[in-house]
Amino acid sequence: MKRALLGLFAASAMAGAVGTVFAQTAAAPTLTADEKAQAKKIYFERCAGCHGVLRKGATGKNLEPHWTKKDKDGKETSGGTLKLGSARLEKIIALGTDGGMVNFDDILTKDEISLMAKYIQTTPDIPPEFSFKDTMDSWKLIVPVKDRPTKQMNNFNLKNMFSVTLRDTGEVALIDGDTKEIRSIVKTGYAVHISRLSASGRYVYVIGRDARLSLIDLWMEKPAVVAEVKIGSEARSVDTSKFKGFEDKYAIAGSYWPPQYTIMDGDTLKPRKIVSTRGMTVDGEYHPEPRVASIVASFIKPEWVVNIKETGQILLVDYSDIENLKTTTISSAKFLHDGGWDASKRYFLVAANASNKIAAVDTKTGKLAALVDTAKIPHPGRGANFTHPKFGPVWTTGHLGADVLTLISTPSDEAKNAKFKEFNWKVVQEVKHVPGNLFVKTHPISKHLWADSPQNPDRELAESVAVWDMADLSKPKKIINVAKDSGLPVTKATKRAVHPEYSADGKEVWISLWGGKADQSAVVVYDDATLALKKVITDPKIITPTGKFNVYNTQHDIY
């Protein structure tokens, strides 16, 4: 059933991409004002990230009414594509697809599923713009720099602190990696997407999907937010200035809506400049919603790598003079998502997941180094770097829509690894996994490669992670059912095992169990050497944990 629905949905989107002549569609379902408000909230929280505010699609399919509303006569269009209609939409929403969309029947009620099937047949509302004045008006300097500590006022091992997203409560938990104790629960934006560290390691920048950016000072006796700003109505990405001489000077955050990025002072978040990303795609077409998917800071130049999802353009933004901003635009492929550095931190590799490609940027030359074809819907997170016994340095991505991990040869230290040059920018191996992967992870001292599969429609697979010995990638060394190891009671909601993250010393791997809002969730800790369970963190405050970011590893881009 799920494969059939996926095929139907994929065929609809593909036909739309090539300009089908649409048949006359029936009127959209009517919604009351209260129903529409409820549906808009659910769509923002659960759907917009993949399908877009305007529902034009990216990682997820196009959900504009010309695909979702059924034809008046229920017949095929001239392009051979059947409109979906409420019944089919309800099945897709409830059951998910093999392409990486999760089943929502354990997240939404039947009434909510029915409501969403109706809502996405209506014309999308266009949200308001967000100006520089709007951004300035939202800025709050809670603790001025002069009133902050001049030295660390707690005795925490900050290098091994974890910033853990508590998705549905709009908080992050700062958990001590040594003691496994929660040191602070910090109120932030809704569904924090990432935590990033300042170059000094003192400040944590966290950005919620509601575009609320919070600056947390780890030096305070109890770490807390010292500044915040809102950069739009939806966002995903943030980073700081890391080049020598610019440490902690600036921060940059990119928004999904409006499509733009904001440059701020690094220690206060005071807005300095907003730059729109609207423009032409790599195919030469104008796009009204080119979202800022991910941002990373270069270590070798005063530049940020800014990846624009819908246009397929990669921007190298030179922040050495923000009043006279210089930007290099590199064409790659649609739709750009997330990615990470190779081992040398010269090359940045980013997934163009709807094009089934990985784009590699040489930040030294400011040019595209390669565009590598991969299996369906690559989703690397930051990826994983290690030395392959046959092919030398490789960078790894998993896939939402394919049952492999893809290993790509990278130049890394060119002099040391000259013998592997013939493999560079080629897919050298596909390691058997399962679809629905979001994150892969390893560590320089580890012998293991970890991969989750939280988007897989099979409950047991979604609740498990796979671990390989990097000396033998022919099959997983162990499949770990994290949900069973947690000892938590079985409930209706799938407890999705997501986002392996190493401790600072590379000896532990932390995995989130992302359950339902009303269920007890957990962070489960494993010994990387033995793969044995070490600790289950089940404090009642740990509600819907997702991403975890170790301070030292995030500060230094270690993966």
Protein backbone atom coordinates (compact mmCIF):
# COMPACT_ATOMS: atom_id res chain seq x y z
CA MET A 1 0.00 0.00 0.00
CA LYS A 2 2.72 2.49 1.00
CA ARG A 3 4.75 1.85 -2.14
CA ALA A 4 1.66 2.28 -4.32
CA LEU A 5 0.80 5.57 -2.65
CA LEU A 6 4.38 6.77 -3.00
CA GLY A 7 4.35 5.93 -6.69
CA LEU A 8 1.10 7.82 -7.19
CA PHE A 9 2.42 10.86 -5.32
CA ALA A 10 5.77 10.80 -7.14
CA ALA A 11 4.06 10.53 -10.53
CA SER A 12 1.89 13.53 -9.72
CA ALA A 13 4.88 15.67 -8.74
CA MET A 14 6.88 14.61 -11.78
CA ALA A 15 4.06 15.44 -14.15
CA GLY A 16 3.78 18.88 -12.56
CA ALA A 17 7.48 19.46 -13.04
CA VAL A 18 7.20 19.06 -16.80
CA GLY A 19 4.23 21.34 -17.33
CA THR A 20 1.13 19.12 -17.54
CA VAL A 21 -2.04 20.78 -18.82
CA PHE A 22 -4.35 20.47 -15.83
CA ALA A 23 -7.92 19.30 -16.05
CA GLN A 24 -10.65 21.27 -14.34
CA THR A 25 -10.62 20.53 -10.63
CA ALA A 26 -13.43 20.43 -8.14
CA ALA A 27 -13.86 23.19 -5.60
CA ALA A 28 -11.56 22.99 -2.60
CA PRO A 29 -13.05 21.71 0.67
CA THR A 30 -14.35 24.49 2.90
CA LEU A 31 -12.87 25.08 6.35
CA THR A 32 -14.11 27.20 9.22
CA ALA A 33 -11.82 29.90 10.57
CA ASP A 34 -10.98 27.72 13.59
CA GLU A 35 -10.27 24.68 11.40
CA LYS A 36 -8.00 26.71 9.15
CA ALA A 37 -6.08 28.13 12.11
CA GLN A 38 -5.60 24.63 13.54
CA ALA A 39 -4.50 23.27 10.16
CA LYS A 40 -2.03 26.11 9.59
CA LYS A 41 -0.44 25.39 12.96
CA ILE A 42 -0.11 21.66 12.23
CA TYR A 43 1.25 22.37 8.75
CA PHE A 44 3.91 24.71 10.13
CA GLU A 45 4.95 22.27 12.87
CA ARG A 46 4.89 19.06 10.84
CA CYS A 47 4.86 19.72 7.09
CA ALA A 48 6.37 23.04 5.99
CA GLY A 49 9.98 21.96 6.49
CA CYS A 50 9.80 19.41 3.67
CA HIS A 51 6.98 20.80 1.50
CA GLY A 52 7.59 24.56 1.86
CA VAL A 53 5.52 27.44 3.17
CA LEU A 54 4.05 27.93 -0.32
CA ARG A 55 3.76 24.13 -0.71
CA LYS A 56 5.92 24.08 -3.83
CA GLY A 57 7.91 21.13 -2.52
CA ALA A 58 11.61 20.37 -2.07
CA THR A 59 12.55 17.33 0.02
CA GLY A 60 8.81 16.61 0.08
CA LYS A 61 6.41 16.68 -2.86
CA ASN A 62 4.55 19.65 -4.31
CA LEU A 63 1.30 20.12 -2.35
CA GLU A 64 -0.33 22.89 -4.36
CA PRO A 65 -4.05 22.43 -5.09
CA HIS A 66 -3.51 21.47 -8.73
CA TRP A 67 -2.07 18.20 -7.39
CA THR A 68 -4.08 17.70 -4.25
CA LYS A 69 -7.63 18.53 -5.44
CA LYS A 70 -9.46 15.79 -7.31
CA ASP A 71 -10.76 16.41 -10.82
CA LYS A 72 -14.46 17.09 -11.10
CA ASP A 73 -15.03 13.87 -13.02
CA GLY A 74 -12.44 11.88 -11.04
CA LYS A 75 -10.69 10.92 -14.28
CA GLU A 76 -7.08 11.24 -15.34
CA THR A 77 -5.74 14.53 -16.63
CA SER A 78 -4.41 14.91 -20.15
CA GLY A 79 -0.96 14.23 -18.71
CA GLY A 80 -2.07 10.85 -17.37
CA THR A 81 -2.03 11.87 -13.72
CA LEU A 82 -4.90 11.29 -11.32
CA LYS A 83 -5.53 14.01 -8.77
CA LEU A 84 -5.21 12.84 -5.21
CA GLY A 85 -8.32 14.00 -3.36
CA SER A 86 -9.15 13.63 0.33
CA ALA A 87 -9.29 9.83 0.54
CA ARG A 88 -5.87 9.27 -1.00
CA LEU A 89 -4.32 12.16 0.89
CA GLU A 90 -5.57 10.78 4.19
CA LYS A 91 -3.94 7.42 3.44
CA ILE A 92 -0.64 9.04 2.50
CA ILE A 93 -0.61 11.22 5.62
CA ALA A 94 -1.59 8.31 7.88
CA LEU A 95 0.70 5.62 6.45
CA GLY A 96 3.68 7.60 5.21
CA THR A 97 5.74 6.61 2.19
CA ASP A 98 8.89 4.68 1.40
CA GLY A 99 10.40 7.94 0.20
CA GLY A 100 11.08 9.14 3.73
CA MET A 101 7.75 10.62 4.84
CA VAL A 102 6.86 9.19 8.23
CA ASN A 103 3.45 7.80 9.12
CA PHE A 104 1.41 10.36 11.02
CA ASP A 105 -1.21 7.96 12.37
CA ASP A 106 0.71 7.82 15.65
CA ILE A 107 1.28 11.60 15.71
CA LEU A 108 -2.03 13.08 14.54
CA THR A 109 -5.57 12.01 15.38
CA LYS A 110 -7.92 10.74 12.65
CA ASP A 111 -9.74 14.06 12.72
CA GLU A 112 -6.45 15.96 12.35
CA ILE A 113 -5.41 13.76 9.43
CA SER A 114 -8.76 14.40 7.76
CA LEU A 115 -8.37 18.13 8.42
CA MET A 116 -4.89 18.22 6.88
CA ALA A 117 -6.08 16.33 3.80
CA LYS A 118 -8.66 19.07 3.28
CA TYR A 119 -6.31 21.93 4.14
CA ILE A 120 -3.69 21.08 1.52
CA GLN A 121 -6.39 21.19 -1.16
CA THR A 122 -6.93 24.88 -0.42
CA THR A 123 -4.84 27.71 -1.84
CA PRO A 124 -1.80 28.43 0.36
CA ASP A 125 -1.71 31.71 2.20
CA ILE A 126 1.36 33.85 1.57
CA PRO A 127 2.89 34.81 4.92
CA PRO A 128 3.92 38.42 5.58
CA GLU A 129 7.43 39.66 4.86
CA PHE A 130 9.86 40.37 7.70
CA SER A 131 11.81 43.60 7.37
CA PHE A 132 14.94 44.93 9.02
CA LYS A 133 12.70 47.02 11.28
CA ASP A 134 10.72 43.92 12.25
CA THR A 135 13.98 42.18 13.10
CA MET A 136 15.28 45.11 15.13
CA ASP A 137 11.97 45.40 16.99
CA SER A 138 12.24 41.73 18.00
CA TRP A 139 15.81 42.01 19.30
CA LYS A 140 16.25 41.59 23.05
CA LEU A 141 19.57 42.11 24.80
CA ILE A 142 18.76 40.33 28.04
CA VAL A 143 22.21 40.53 29.63
CA PRO A 144 24.55 43.20 28.19
CA VAL A 145 28.12 42.11 27.52
CA LYS A 146 29.46 44.31 30.32
CA ASP A 147 27.27 42.49 32.84
CA ARG A 148 28.31 38.99 31.81
CA PRO A 149 30.99 36.92 33.58
CA THR A 150 34.61 37.59 32.70
CA LYS A 151 35.47 33.94 33.43
CA GLN A 152 33.63 30.63 33.68
CA MET A 153 31.46 30.78 36.82
CA ASN A 154 30.58 27.07 37.00
CA ASN A 155 32.70 23.96 37.34
CA PHE A 156 31.20 22.11 34.37
CA ASN A 157 33.38 20.43 31.77
CA LEU A 158 32.04 22.61 28.98
CA LYS A 159 33.90 20.70 26.27
CA ASN A 160 31.76 17.67 26.99
CA MET A 161 28.46 19.51 27.42
CA PHE A 162 25.60 18.50 25.10
CA SER A 163 22.96 20.89 23.81
CA VAL A 164 19.90 18.65 23.33
CA THR A 165 16.85 19.85 21.40
CA LEU A 166 13.55 19.24 23.19
CA ARG A 167 11.50 19.64 20.05
CA ASP A 168 7.91 20.09 21.15
CA THR A 169 8.53 22.12 24.32
CA GLY A 170 10.59 24.85 22.64
CA GLU A 171 13.63 24.24 24.83
CA VAL A 172 17.14 22.85 24.85
CA ALA A 173 18.55 20.76 27.67
CA LEU A 174 22.21 21.34 28.51
CA ILE A 175 23.37 17.92 29.69
CA ASP A 176 26.73 17.25 31.34
CA GLY A 177 28.49 14.60 29.27
CA ASP A 178 30.57 13.47 32.25
CA THR A 179 27.84 13.10 34.88
CA LYS A 180 24.80 12.75 32.53
CA GLU A 181 23.01 15.38 34.65
CA ILE A 182 20.86 18.16 33.23
CA ARG A 183 22.63 21.42 34.06
CA SER A 184 20.02 23.76 32.61
CA ILE A 185 16.75 23.70 30.69
CA VAL A 186 16.72 26.80 28.49
CA LYS A 187 13.62 28.25 26.87
CA THR A 188 14.23 28.80 23.17
CA GLY A 189 12.29 28.84 19.92
CA TYR A 190 10.00 26.02 18.86
CA ALA A 191 11.63 22.82 17.56
CA VAL A 192 15.25 23.99 17.60
CA HIS A 193 16.83 22.70 14.41
CA ILE A 194 20.51 23.08 15.29
CA SER A 195 22.86 24.30 17.99
CA ARG A 196 26.09 25.96 16.88
CA LEU A 197 29.08 27.07 18.94
CA SER A 198 30.97 30.32 18.85
CA ALA A 199 34.60 30.06 17.82
CA SER A 200 35.62 30.44 21.49
CA GLY A 201 33.25 27.69 22.67
CA ARG A 202 31.61 30.05 25.16
CA TYR A 203 28.31 30.75 23.40
CA VAL A 204 25.70 28.37 22.01
CA TYR A 205 23.52 29.68 19.19
CA VAL A 206 20.22 27.83 18.82
CA ILE A 207 17.59 28.55 16.20
CA GLY A 208 14.01 27.34 16.30
CA ARG A 209 11.79 26.54 13.38
CA ASP A 210 9.83 29.63 14.39
CA ALA A 211 12.95 31.69 13.47
CA ARG A 212 13.69 32.66 17.06
CA LEU A 213 17.46 32.78 17.56
CA SER A 214 18.74 32.46 21.13
CA LEU A 215 22.27 33.09 22.43
CA ILE A 216 23.19 30.97 25.48
CA ASP A 217 26.17 31.90 27.66
CA LEU A 218 27.84 28.75 29.03
CA TRP A 219 30.04 30.74 31.43
CA MET A 220 27.15 31.73 33.67
CA GLU A 221 26.68 29.87 36.94
CA LYS A 222 23.57 28.39 35.36
CA PRO A 223 23.81 28.78 31.57
CA ALA A 224 21.00 30.92 30.21
CA VAL A 225 19.89 33.05 27.26
CA VAL A 226 21.61 36.44 27.15
CA ALA A 227 20.18 37.71 23.85
CA GLU A 228 17.57 36.74 21.30
CA VAL A 229 16.12 37.94 18.03
CA LYS A 230 13.53 36.79 15.53
CA ILE A 231 14.72 36.67 11.91
CA GLY A 232 11.45 35.76 10.16
CA SER A 233 8.61 33.30 10.61
CA GLU A 234 10.47 30.05 9.82
CA ALA A 235 14.16 29.17 9.88
CA ARG A 236 16.73 26.35 10.12
CA SER A 237 20.31 27.58 10.05
CA VAL A 238 22.84 29.60 12.05
CA ASP A 239 26.61 29.90 12.39
CA THR A 240 29.28 32.32 13.52
CA SER A 241 32.48 33.86 12.22
CA LYS A 242 35.41 31.49 12.80
CA PHE A 243 38.29 32.86 10.72
CA LYS A 244 41.28 34.14 12.68
CA GLY A 245 40.72 37.72 13.77
CA PHE A 246 36.93 37.46 13.44
CA GLU A 247 36.26 34.92 16.20
CA ASP A 248 32.81 35.55 17.76
CA LYS A 249 32.51 38.88 15.91
CA TYR A 250 29.50 38.04 13.74
CA ALA A 251 26.63 35.58 13.56
CA ILE A 252 24.54 34.70 10.53
CA ALA A 253 21.13 33.06 10.44
CA GLY A 254 19.13 31.98 7.41
CA SER A 255 15.37 31.81 7.19
CA TYR A 256 12.93 29.69 5.26
CA TRP A 257 10.43 32.52 5.27
CA PRO A 258 11.01 35.15 4.18
CA PRO A 259 13.80 33.71 2.01
CA GLN A 260 16.76 35.73 3.28
CA TYR A 261 19.67 35.70 5.70
CA THR A 262 20.49 38.06 8.55
CA ILE A 263 23.95 39.12 9.75
CA MET A 264 24.25 40.12 13.42
CA ASP A 265 26.84 41.05 16.02
CA GLY A 266 28.07 37.76 17.43
CA ASP A 267 27.94 38.60 21.14
CA THR A 268 24.61 40.48 21.21
CA LEU A 269 22.66 39.34 18.11
CA LYS A 270 22.06 42.97 17.20
CA PRO A 271 20.96 42.89 13.52
CA ARG A 272 23.39 44.45 11.06
CA LYS A 273 22.21 43.45 7.56
CA ILE A 274 19.50 41.42 5.82
CA VAL A 275 20.06 39.92 2.37
CA SER A 276 17.31 38.40 0.23
CA THR A 277 17.89 35.08 -1.54
CA ARG A 278 15.06 35.35 -4.06
CA GLY A 279 16.18 34.89 -7.62
CA MET A 280 16.87 32.48 -10.42
CA THR A 281 17.38 28.75 -10.08
CA VAL A 282 20.21 26.81 -11.72
CA ASP A 283 17.64 25.98 -14.42
CA GLY A 284 17.11 29.65 -15.20
CA GLU A 285 13.66 30.02 -13.63
CA TYR A 286 12.58 32.54 -11.02
CA HIS A 287 11.63 31.08 -7.64
CA PRO A 288 9.70 33.06 -5.01
CA GLU A 289 10.73 30.92 -2.01
CA PRO A 290 14.44 29.99 -2.18
CA ARG A 291 15.00 29.01 1.43
CA VAL A 292 18.34 29.15 3.26
CA ALA A 293 18.91 25.48 3.99
CA SER A 294 22.26 25.41 5.78
CA ILE A 295 25.20 27.63 6.68
CA VAL A 296 28.75 26.79 7.73
CA ALA A 297 31.71 28.99 8.58
CA SER A 298 34.99 28.58 6.72
CA PHE A 299 38.20 28.15 8.73
CA ILE A 300 40.47 29.27 5.87
CA LYS A 301 38.77 32.52 4.79
CA PRO A 302 36.45 35.10 6.38
CA GLU A 303 33.51 33.50 4.58
CA TRP A 304 30.28 31.67 5.22
CA VAL A 305 29.03 28.92 2.91
CA VAL A 306 25.31 29.63 2.49
CA ASN A 307 23.26 26.95 0.71
CA ILE A 308 20.05 28.05 -1.01
CA LYS A 309 17.62 25.17 -1.27
CA GLU A 310 15.30 25.86 -4.21
CA THR A 311 17.74 27.68 -6.50
CA GLY A 312 20.59 25.21 -6.15
CA GLN A 313 22.98 28.13 -5.64
CA ILE A 314 25.80 28.01 -3.10
CA LEU A 315 26.86 31.42 -1.82
CA LEU A 316 30.30 32.20 -0.40
CA VAL A 317 29.60 35.31 1.68
CA ASP A 318 32.71 37.34 2.56
CA TYR A 319 32.13 38.97 5.97
CA SER A 320 35.44 40.88 6.13
CA ASP A 321 33.49 44.04 5.22
CA ILE A 322 29.77 43.57 5.81
CA GLU A 323 28.98 47.13 4.77
CA ASN A 324 30.32 46.30 1.30
CA LEU A 325 29.34 42.66 1.16
CA LYS A 326 30.98 40.48 -1.49
CA THR A 327 29.36 37.22 -2.50
CA THR A 328 30.52 34.44 -4.82
CA THR A 329 27.65 32.48 -6.37
CA ILE A 330 28.30 28.86 -7.31
CA SER A 331 25.73 26.90 -9.30
CA SER A 332 25.21 23.28 -8.24
CA ALA A 333 21.86 21.44 -8.21
CA LYS A 334 18.39 21.55 -6.60
CA PHE A 335 17.34 21.22 -3.83
CA LEU A 336 20.22 21.96 -1.48
CA HIS A 337 19.81 20.76 2.08
CA ASP A 338 22.55 20.02 4.64
CA GLY A 339 26.13 18.82 4.56
CA GLY A 340 29.54 18.95 6.18
CA TRP A 341 33.27 19.43 5.76
CA ASP A 342 35.69 16.82 4.50
CA ALA A 343 38.53 15.86 6.87
CA SER A 344 40.75 18.72 5.62
CA LYS A 345 37.98 21.33 6.15
CA ARG A 346 38.79 22.74 2.73
CA TYR A 347 35.88 21.13 0.89
CA PHE A 348 32.26 21.46 1.89
CA LEU A 349 29.90 18.72 0.70
CA VAL A 350 26.17 19.44 0.58
CA ALA A 351 23.22 17.30 -0.48
CA ALA A 352 21.11 18.40 -3.43
CA ASN A 353 18.64 15.82 -2.26
CA ALA A 354 15.85 16.17 -4.83
CA SER A 355 18.47 15.91 -7.60
CA ASN A 356 20.11 12.87 -5.96
CA LYS A 357 23.51 14.57 -5.96
CA ILE A 358 26.21 15.76 -3.59
CA ALA A 359 27.82 19.09 -4.45
CA ALA A 360 31.40 19.67 -3.28
CA VAL A 361 32.71 23.24 -2.97
CA ASP A 362 36.41 24.08 -2.84
CA THR A 363 36.43 26.99 -0.37
CA LYS A 364 40.09 27.70 -1.15
CA THR A 365 39.49 28.41 -4.84
CA GLY A 366 35.85 29.48 -4.46
CA LYS A 367 34.68 27.05 -7.13
CA LEU A 368 32.60 23.90 -7.48
CA ALA A 369 34.94 20.94 -7.07
CA ALA A 370 32.48 18.22 -8.07
CA LEU A 371 28.84 17.26 -8.52
CA VAL A 372 28.50 13.61 -7.56
CA ASP A 373 25.52 11.43 -8.48
CA THR A 374 24.18 9.37 -5.58
CA ALA A 375 21.27 7.12 -4.68
CA LYS A 376 17.85 8.63 -3.94
CA ILE A 377 17.44 11.58 -1.55
CA PRO A 378 20.82 11.91 0.19
CA HIS A 379 20.52 13.29 3.72
CA PRO A 380 23.95 13.49 5.38
CA GLY A 381 23.42 15.73 8.37
CA ARG A 382 27.07 16.74 8.62
CA GLY A 383 28.20 13.44 7.14
CA ALA A 384 30.98 11.20 8.45
CA ASN A 385 34.71 11.30 7.61
CA PHE A 386 37.02 8.31 7.91
CA THR A 387 39.89 6.57 6.13
CA HIS A 388 38.76 3.64 4.05
CA PRO A 389 41.21 0.71 3.95
CA LYS A 390 41.12 0.65 0.12
CA PHE A 391 40.04 4.12 -1.02
CA GLY A 392 41.63 6.41 1.57
CA PRO A 393 39.75 9.45 2.96
CA VAL A 394 36.00 9.26 2.36
CA TRP A 395 32.98 11.32 3.36
CA THR A 396 29.72 9.50 3.95
CA THR A 397 26.05 10.29 3.49
CA GLY A 398 22.94 8.27 4.21
CA HIS A 399 19.67 8.47 2.28
CA LEU A 400 16.03 9.06 3.02
CA GLY A 401 14.93 7.25 -0.12
CA ALA A 402 17.52 4.51 -0.68
CA ASP A 403 18.82 1.49 1.22
CA VAL A 404 22.52 2.43 1.19
CA LEU A 405 25.13 4.67 2.74
CA THR A 406 27.21 6.37 0.03
CA LEU A 407 30.99 6.73 0.45
CA ILE A 408 32.62 9.49 -1.62
CA SER A 409 36.42 9.78 -1.97
CA THR A 410 37.77 13.19 -0.90
CA PRO A 411 41.21 14.73 -1.57
CA SER A 412 41.82 15.61 2.11
CA ASP A 413 45.59 15.91 2.65
CA GLU A 414 46.56 15.81 -1.03
CA ALA A 415 50.28 15.15 -0.53
CA LYS A 416 49.74 12.38 2.01
CA ASN A 417 46.93 10.76 0.02
CA ALA A 418 48.18 11.19 -3.54
CA LYS A 419 47.86 7.46 -4.19
CA PHE A 420 44.09 7.74 -3.80
CA LYS A 421 43.76 10.64 -6.27
CA GLU A 422 42.18 8.46 -8.97
CA PHE A 423 39.17 7.90 -6.70
CA ASN A 424 38.57 11.54 -5.75
CA TRP A 425 34.97 12.74 -6.06
CA LYS A 426 33.76 9.29 -7.05
CA VAL A 427 31.30 7.07 -5.22
CA VAL A 428 33.69 4.33 -4.15
CA GLN A 429 31.27 2.18 -2.17
CA GLU A 430 27.60 1.82 -1.30
CA VAL A 431 27.12 0.21 2.11
CA LYS A 432 23.86 -1.69 2.57
CA HIS A 433 21.48 0.01 5.03
CA VAL A 434 17.73 0.77 5.02
CA PRO A 435 15.77 3.80 3.71
CA GLY A 436 14.73 6.53 6.10
CA ASN A 437 18.19 7.46 7.33
CA LEU A 438 18.77 10.99 8.61
CA PHE A 439 22.23 10.94 10.19
CA VAL A 440 25.52 9.11 9.94
CA LYS A 441 28.33 9.66 12.43
CA THR A 442 31.83 8.59 13.39
CA HIS A 443 34.79 10.12 15.24
CA PRO A 444 38.54 10.33 14.49
CA ILE A 445 39.43 7.85 17.26
CA SER A 446 36.52 5.48 16.57
CA LYS A 447 36.55 2.26 14.58
CA HIS A 448 32.78 2.42 14.09
CA LEU A 449 30.28 4.07 11.74
CA TRP A 450 26.76 4.67 13.13
CA ALA A 451 23.57 5.29 11.13
CA ASP A 452 19.97 5.79 12.21
CA SER A 453 16.75 5.19 10.24
CA PRO A 454 14.04 7.19 12.06
CA GLN A 455 12.05 7.92 8.90
CA ASN A 456 11.63 4.27 7.97
CA PRO A 457 7.95 3.22 8.03
CA ASP A 458 8.81 -0.02 9.83
CA ARG A 459 8.57 0.60 13.59
CA GLU A 460 11.41 -1.70 14.62
CA LEU A 461 13.77 -0.19 12.06
CA ALA A 462 12.80 3.36 13.07
CA GLU A 463 13.57 2.51 16.70
CA SER A 464 16.99 1.01 15.89
CA VAL A 465 20.44 2.08 14.72
CA ALA A 466 23.05 0.16 12.73
CA VAL A 467 26.77 0.08 13.53
CA TRP A 468 29.55 -1.01 11.18
CA ASP A 469 33.19 -1.84 11.83
CA MET A 470 34.91 0.45 9.34
CA ALA A 471 37.45 -2.28 8.59
CA ASP A 472 34.60 -4.46 7.28
CA LEU A 473 31.63 -2.65 5.78
CA SER A 474 30.11 -5.74 4.17
CA LYS A 475 27.41 -5.93 6.84
CA PRO A 476 26.56 -4.18 10.12
CA LYS A 477 28.50 -5.32 13.12
CA LYS A 478 25.36 -4.84 15.21
CA ILE A 479 21.77 -3.64 14.89
CA ILE A 480 20.81 -1.97 18.17
CA ASN A 481 17.15 -1.59 19.14
CA VAL A 482 17.48 1.60 21.14
CA ALA A 483 13.83 1.64 22.20
CA LYS A 484 14.14 -1.80 23.80
CA ASP A 485 17.43 -0.88 25.47
CA SER A 486 15.79 2.20 27.00
CA GLY A 487 13.40 0.10 29.10
CA LEU A 488 10.61 2.59 28.39
CA PRO A 489 7.08 1.21 28.07
CA VAL A 490 5.71 0.46 24.60
CA THR A 491 3.15 3.09 23.53
CA LYS A 492 1.23 3.87 20.36
CA ALA A 493 3.82 6.37 19.16
CA THR A 494 7.01 5.08 17.56
CA LYS A 495 10.08 6.00 19.60
CA ARG A 496 12.35 7.03 16.73
CA ALA A 497 16.07 6.52 17.38
CA VAL A 498 17.71 9.59 15.89
CA HIS A 499 20.97 11.52 15.60
CA PRO A 500 24.00 9.63 16.95
CA GLU A 501 26.42 12.11 18.54
CA TYR A 502 29.84 11.41 20.01
CA SER A 503 31.21 12.64 23.31
CA ALA A 504 34.20 14.98 23.15
CA ASP A 505 36.66 12.12 23.70
CA GLY A 506 35.01 9.92 21.08
CA LYS A 507 34.30 7.13 23.55
CA GLU A 508 30.52 7.44 23.87
CA VAL A 509 27.65 7.72 21.39
CA TRP A 510 24.43 9.46 22.46
CA ILE A 511 21.15 8.68 20.66
CA SER A 512 17.78 10.40 21.07
CA LEU A 513 14.58 8.42 21.43
CA TRP A 514 11.99 10.74 19.94
CA GLY A 515 8.57 9.62 21.15
CA GLY A 516 5.15 11.22 21.37
CA LYS A 517 4.47 14.45 23.26
CA ALA A 518 2.69 12.60 26.06
CA ASP A 519 5.24 9.76 26.28
CA GLN A 520 8.44 9.60 28.27
CA SER A 521 11.36 9.99 25.89
CA ALA A 522 15.05 9.40 26.56
CA VAL A 523 18.64 9.98 25.52
CA VAL A 524 20.43 6.63 25.40
CA VAL A 525 24.21 6.44 25.79
CA TYR A 526 26.42 3.64 24.41
CA ASP A 527 30.07 2.72 24.80
CA ASP A 528 31.52 3.13 21.31
CA ALA A 529 34.24 0.48 21.76
CA THR A 530 32.00 -2.32 23.07
CA LEU A 531 28.60 -1.09 21.77
CA ALA A 532 27.26 -1.81 25.25
CA LEU A 533 24.52 0.28 26.87
CA LYS A 534 25.98 2.73 29.42
CA LYS A 535 23.18 5.05 30.51
CA VAL A 536 19.54 5.91 29.84
CA ILE A 537 18.73 9.56 30.61
CA THR A 538 14.98 9.58 31.30
CA ASP A 539 14.32 12.72 33.31
CA PRO A 540 10.65 13.79 32.92
CA LYS A 541 11.93 17.04 31.42
CA ILE A 542 13.39 15.13 28.46
CA ILE A 543 10.42 15.57 26.12
CA THR A 544 10.70 14.74 22.40
CA PRO A 545 14.53 15.00 22.19
CA THR A 546 15.96 15.16 18.68
CA GLY A 547 19.34 16.74 17.80
CA LYS A 548 22.22 16.64 20.27
CA PHE A 549 25.30 18.76 19.82
CA ASN A 550 28.48 18.13 21.78
CA VAL A 551 30.17 21.46 22.47
CA TYR A 552 33.73 20.46 21.53
CA ASN A 553 32.82 18.44 18.44
CA THR A 554 30.44 21.13 17.16
CA GLN A 555 32.93 23.93 17.87
CA HIS A 556 35.62 22.16 15.84
CA ASP A 557 33.41 20.48 13.22
CA ILE A 558 34.46 16.98 14.19
CA TYR A 559 32.46 14.26 12.51
